[in-house]
Amino acid sequence: METKSKHIQDLSKIKSMMERSSRFLSLSGLSGISAGIIAMTGAAIAHYILVLDQAKYDEFFPLLYFIYPPTGIDTIMPLFFLGVSVLFLALASGLYFSWRKARKHGLPLWDHTTKRILTHLFIPLIAGGIFVLILINSNADSLVASATLIFYGLALVNAGKYTLGEIHYLGIFEIILGILAGIFINYGLLFWAMGFGVLHIVYGSVMYFRYER
C-alpha cells in the first residue's frame, strides 16, 4: 500500500514537472484585474474625448451621441495615443504581477515556454494592429473596436494552449464581443470596455481565487 502511494506521488511530481515545462504558469490573476481597471479607465477617457468632439457640432445634445459620434483627425490621434498608453500600462502591470508570482513560487519567468507563448500571442496582435491602421486610413474607424476585440481574442485562443485553460475561454468571449461590436457599431466603445475591462476583471478574479489564494 505504501509503495502504491509512493508511485502515485512520483507520477504526480512528474506530471507537475511536465506541466511546468510545457505551460506558462506564472500568469497572475492580478494581471487581469489590473489590465481590466486600466482598460475601464481608458474607456472612460475615450468617452470623454468623444463627447467633447460631439459638443463642437451640437452644443445642446452632446450626450445623446453616447458612444460613437462623428470623429475627425483631432479625435482620432488622441484616441490612438490613448490606446497605446492603455496597452503599455496593461502590459507593464501584467509583467510586474507575473514576475511577482514567479518569484514567489520559484518559477522561471523567461524560458522557452515564455518565448513560445509570446510568439503565438503577438502574431495575431501585430496582424490586428496593421489591420486597424488600414481601417483608420480608410475612414472606417467605427470598426476599430470590433477589430481589436476579434484579433485580441484570436491571439488569446492561439496562445491559450501554452498557459492556463481560462485564457482560451477568455479569447472566445473576446471574439464574440468583437463580432457583436461589428454588428452594433454605435456601441463599439461599450463593447470595448466590456471586453478589455469587465472580462479581464472577471477572468483575473477567477484566476486569483482559484490558483493564488
Protein backbone atom coordinates (compact mmCIF):
# COMPACT_ATOMS: atom_id res chain seq x y z
CA MET A 1 0.00 0.00 0.00
CA GLU A 2 2.83 2.34 0.90
CA THR A 3 4.63 1.50 -2.37
CA LYS A 4 1.48 2.28 -4.35
CA SER A 5 1.14 5.63 -2.58
CA LYS A 6 4.78 6.44 -3.38
CA HIS A 7 4.21 5.64 -7.06
CA ILE A 8 1.21 7.95 -7.14
CA GLN A 9 3.28 10.75 -5.59
CA ASP A 10 6.06 10.18 -8.11
CA LEU A 11 3.60 10.29 -11.01
CA SER A 12 2.12 13.49 -9.60
CA LYS A 13 5.57 15.08 -9.42
CA ILE A 14 6.38 14.01 -12.98
CA LYS A 15 3.07 15.44 -14.21
CA SER A 16 3.77 18.71 -12.40
CA MET A 17 7.27 18.95 -13.92
CA MET A 18 5.93 18.26 -17.41
CA GLU A 19 3.22 20.89 -16.96
CA ARG A 20 5.78 23.45 -15.80
CA SER A 21 7.98 22.77 -18.82
CA SER A 22 5.14 22.97 -21.37
CA ARG A 23 2.86 25.66 -19.93
CA PHE A 24 3.38 29.24 -18.74
CA LEU A 25 2.11 29.10 -15.15
CA SER A 26 3.40 32.45 -13.88
CA LEU A 27 0.42 34.38 -15.23
CA SER A 28 -1.20 36.11 -12.26
CA GLY A 29 -4.88 36.81 -11.79
CA LEU A 30 -3.91 40.25 -10.52
CA SER A 31 -2.53 40.94 -14.01
CA GLY A 32 -6.02 40.51 -15.46
CA ILE A 33 -7.63 42.63 -12.76
CA SER A 34 -5.14 45.47 -13.21
CA ALA A 35 -5.43 45.32 -17.01
CA GLY A 36 -9.22 45.49 -16.70
CA ILE A 37 -9.10 48.53 -14.41
CA ILE A 38 -6.66 50.28 -16.76
CA ALA A 39 -8.89 49.48 -19.76
CA MET A 40 -12.01 50.78 -17.99
CA THR A 41 -10.19 54.00 -17.14
CA GLY A 42 -9.06 54.31 -20.77
CA ALA A 43 -12.63 53.73 -21.99
CA ALA A 44 -13.92 56.47 -19.69
CA ILE A 45 -11.30 58.90 -21.02
CA ALA A 46 -12.14 57.89 -24.61
CA HIS A 47 -15.84 58.51 -23.94
CA TYR A 48 -14.96 61.96 -22.56
CA ILE A 49 -12.90 62.74 -25.68
CA LEU A 50 -15.75 61.63 -27.96
CA VAL A 51 -18.34 63.67 -26.07
CA LEU A 52 -16.14 66.77 -26.29
CA ASP A 53 -15.75 66.16 -30.02
CA GLN A 54 -19.52 65.92 -30.50
CA ALA A 55 -20.02 69.10 -28.46
CA LYS A 56 -18.26 71.00 -31.26
CA TYR A 57 -21.11 70.03 -33.60
CA ASP A 58 -24.08 70.04 -31.23
CA GLU A 59 -23.76 72.19 -28.12
CA PHE A 60 -27.25 71.31 -26.91
CA PHE A 61 -27.32 67.48 -27.01
CA PRO A 62 -23.73 66.17 -26.85
CA LEU A 63 -24.61 63.29 -24.50
CA LEU A 64 -27.11 61.81 -26.95
CA TYR A 65 -24.16 60.63 -29.03
CA PHE A 66 -23.13 58.34 -26.23
CA ILE A 67 -20.66 56.01 -27.88
CA TYR A 68 -19.60 56.82 -31.44
CA PRO A 69 -20.15 60.41 -32.54
CA PRO A 70 -18.60 61.62 -35.82
CA THR A 71 -14.83 61.78 -35.44
CA GLY A 72 -12.11 63.64 -37.22
CA ILE A 73 -8.33 63.74 -37.13
CA ASP A 74 -8.46 65.89 -33.96
CA THR A 75 -10.17 63.00 -32.20
CA ILE A 76 -8.51 60.01 -33.87
CA MET A 77 -4.98 60.96 -32.81
CA PRO A 78 -5.78 61.41 -29.09
CA LEU A 79 -7.68 58.11 -29.15
CA PHE A 80 -4.75 56.40 -30.88
CA PHE A 81 -2.24 57.60 -28.29
CA LEU A 82 -4.70 56.75 -25.52
CA GLY A 83 -4.94 53.19 -26.85
CA VAL A 84 -1.15 52.87 -26.99
CA SER A 85 -0.87 54.16 -23.42
CA VAL A 86 -3.51 51.72 -22.16
CA LEU A 87 -1.73 48.83 -23.89
CA PHE A 88 1.66 49.83 -22.43
CA LEU A 89 0.32 50.20 -18.88
CA ALA A 90 -1.61 46.91 -19.09
CA LEU A 91 1.46 45.04 -20.32
CA ALA A 92 3.65 46.65 -17.65
CA SER A 93 1.25 45.73 -14.84
CA GLY A 94 0.85 42.21 -16.24
CA LEU A 95 4.61 41.74 -16.36
CA TYR A 96 5.02 43.01 -12.80
CA PHE A 97 2.38 40.74 -11.24
CA SER A 98 3.58 37.73 -13.25
CA TRP A 99 7.16 38.38 -12.12
CA ARG A 100 5.98 38.61 -8.53
CA LYS A 101 4.08 35.31 -8.77
CA ALA A 102 7.02 33.59 -10.48
CA ARG A 103 9.41 34.73 -7.75
CA LYS A 104 7.00 33.62 -5.01
CA HIS A 105 6.60 30.10 -6.42
CA GLY A 106 10.15 29.68 -7.71
CA LEU A 107 9.05 29.55 -11.35
CA PRO A 108 11.09 30.91 -14.27
CA LEU A 109 9.53 33.98 -15.88
CA TRP A 110 11.55 33.73 -19.09
CA ASP A 111 12.16 30.35 -20.72
CA HIS A 112 11.36 28.52 -23.96
CA THR A 113 7.68 28.29 -22.96
CA THR A 114 7.50 32.06 -22.49
CA LYS A 115 9.05 32.60 -25.92
CA ARG A 116 6.57 30.20 -27.46
CA ILE A 117 3.51 31.82 -25.88
CA LEU A 118 4.67 35.32 -26.85
CA THR A 119 5.21 34.20 -30.45
CA HIS A 120 1.72 32.74 -30.69
CA LEU A 121 0.27 35.80 -28.93
CA PHE A 122 1.94 38.54 -30.95
CA ILE A 123 1.40 37.18 -34.48
CA PRO A 124 -2.37 37.85 -34.37
CA LEU A 125 -1.81 41.06 -32.37
CA ILE A 126 0.60 42.51 -34.93
CA ALA A 127 -1.69 41.49 -37.80
CA GLY A 128 -4.60 43.08 -35.96
CA GLY A 129 -2.65 46.28 -35.34
CA ILE A 130 -1.84 46.60 -39.04
CA PHE A 131 -5.48 45.92 -39.95
CA VAL A 132 -6.65 48.61 -37.50
CA LEU A 133 -4.30 51.14 -39.11
CA ILE A 134 -5.78 50.19 -42.51
CA LEU A 135 -9.29 50.77 -41.13
CA ILE A 136 -8.32 54.19 -39.78
CA ASN A 137 -6.64 55.15 -43.05
CA SER A 138 -9.81 54.07 -44.92
CA ASN A 139 -12.04 56.18 -42.64
CA ALA A 140 -13.62 53.01 -41.24
CA ASP A 141 -12.72 53.86 -37.64
CA SER A 142 -16.18 52.76 -36.43
CA LEU A 143 -14.96 49.16 -36.88
CA VAL A 144 -11.79 49.63 -34.83
CA ALA A 145 -13.36 48.40 -31.57
CA SER A 146 -14.67 45.28 -33.31
CA ALA A 147 -11.33 44.54 -34.98
CA THR A 148 -9.27 44.98 -31.81
CA LEU A 149 -11.55 42.65 -29.83
CA ILE A 150 -11.59 39.96 -32.53
CA PHE A 151 -7.83 39.95 -33.13
CA TYR A 152 -7.12 40.07 -29.39
CA GLY A 153 -9.45 37.12 -28.89
CA LEU A 154 -7.72 35.20 -31.67
CA ALA A 155 -4.36 35.93 -30.03
CA LEU A 156 -5.58 34.57 -26.69
CA VAL A 157 -7.02 31.42 -28.27
CA ASN A 158 -3.79 30.93 -30.21
CA ALA A 159 -1.62 31.28 -27.10
CA GLY A 160 -4.04 29.56 -24.71
CA LYS A 161 -2.66 26.08 -25.34
CA TYR A 162 0.63 27.13 -23.71
CA THR A 163 -0.82 28.54 -20.49
CA LEU A 164 -3.82 28.10 -18.21
CA GLY A 165 -7.04 26.95 -19.86
CA GLU A 166 -9.01 30.01 -18.77
CA ILE A 167 -7.09 32.09 -21.33
CA HIS A 168 -8.64 30.06 -24.16
CA TYR A 169 -12.18 30.76 -22.97
CA LEU A 170 -11.39 34.43 -22.37
CA GLY A 171 -10.31 34.62 -26.02
CA ILE A 172 -13.58 33.07 -27.20
CA PHE A 173 -15.62 35.62 -25.25
CA GLU A 174 -13.48 38.45 -26.67
CA ILE A 175 -14.18 37.22 -30.22
CA ILE A 176 -17.93 37.06 -29.52
CA LEU A 177 -17.92 40.62 -28.18
CA GLY A 178 -15.90 41.74 -31.21
CA ILE A 179 -18.49 40.28 -33.58
CA LEU A 180 -21.29 41.98 -31.64
CA ALA A 181 -19.35 45.26 -31.76
CA GLY A 182 -19.20 44.91 -35.55
CA ILE A 183 -22.97 44.40 -35.71
CA PHE A 184 -23.92 47.15 -33.25
CA ILE A 185 -21.41 49.72 -34.45
CA ASN A 186 -22.82 52.61 -32.42
CA TYR A 187 -21.92 50.79 -29.21
CA GLY A 188 -18.34 49.96 -30.13
CA LEU A 189 -16.76 51.68 -27.13
CA LEU A 190 -19.21 49.97 -24.77
CA PHE A 191 -18.27 46.53 -26.14
CA TRP A 192 -14.60 47.52 -25.99
CA ALA A 193 -14.96 48.43 -22.30
CA MET A 194 -16.75 45.14 -21.63
CA GLY A 195 -14.12 43.08 -23.47
CA PHE A 196 -10.93 44.69 -22.25
CA GLY A 197 -12.31 45.92 -18.93
CA VAL A 198 -15.08 43.80 -17.43
CA LEU A 199 -13.98 40.44 -18.87
CA HIS A 200 -10.41 40.96 -17.69
CA ILE A 201 -11.54 41.84 -14.18
CA VAL A 202 -13.84 38.78 -14.02
CA TYR A 203 -11.18 36.48 -15.50
CA GLY A 204 -8.47 37.88 -13.23
CA SER A 205 -10.65 37.44 -10.15
CA VAL A 206 -11.44 33.81 -11.06
CA MET A 207 -7.74 33.11 -11.67
CA TYR A 208 -6.68 34.76 -8.43
CA PHE A 209 -9.15 32.95 -6.17
CA ARG A 210 -8.67 29.61 -7.96
CA TYR A 211 -4.86 29.47 -8.15
CA GLU A 212 -3.38 32.10 -5.84
CA ARG A 213 -5.44 32.16 -2.66
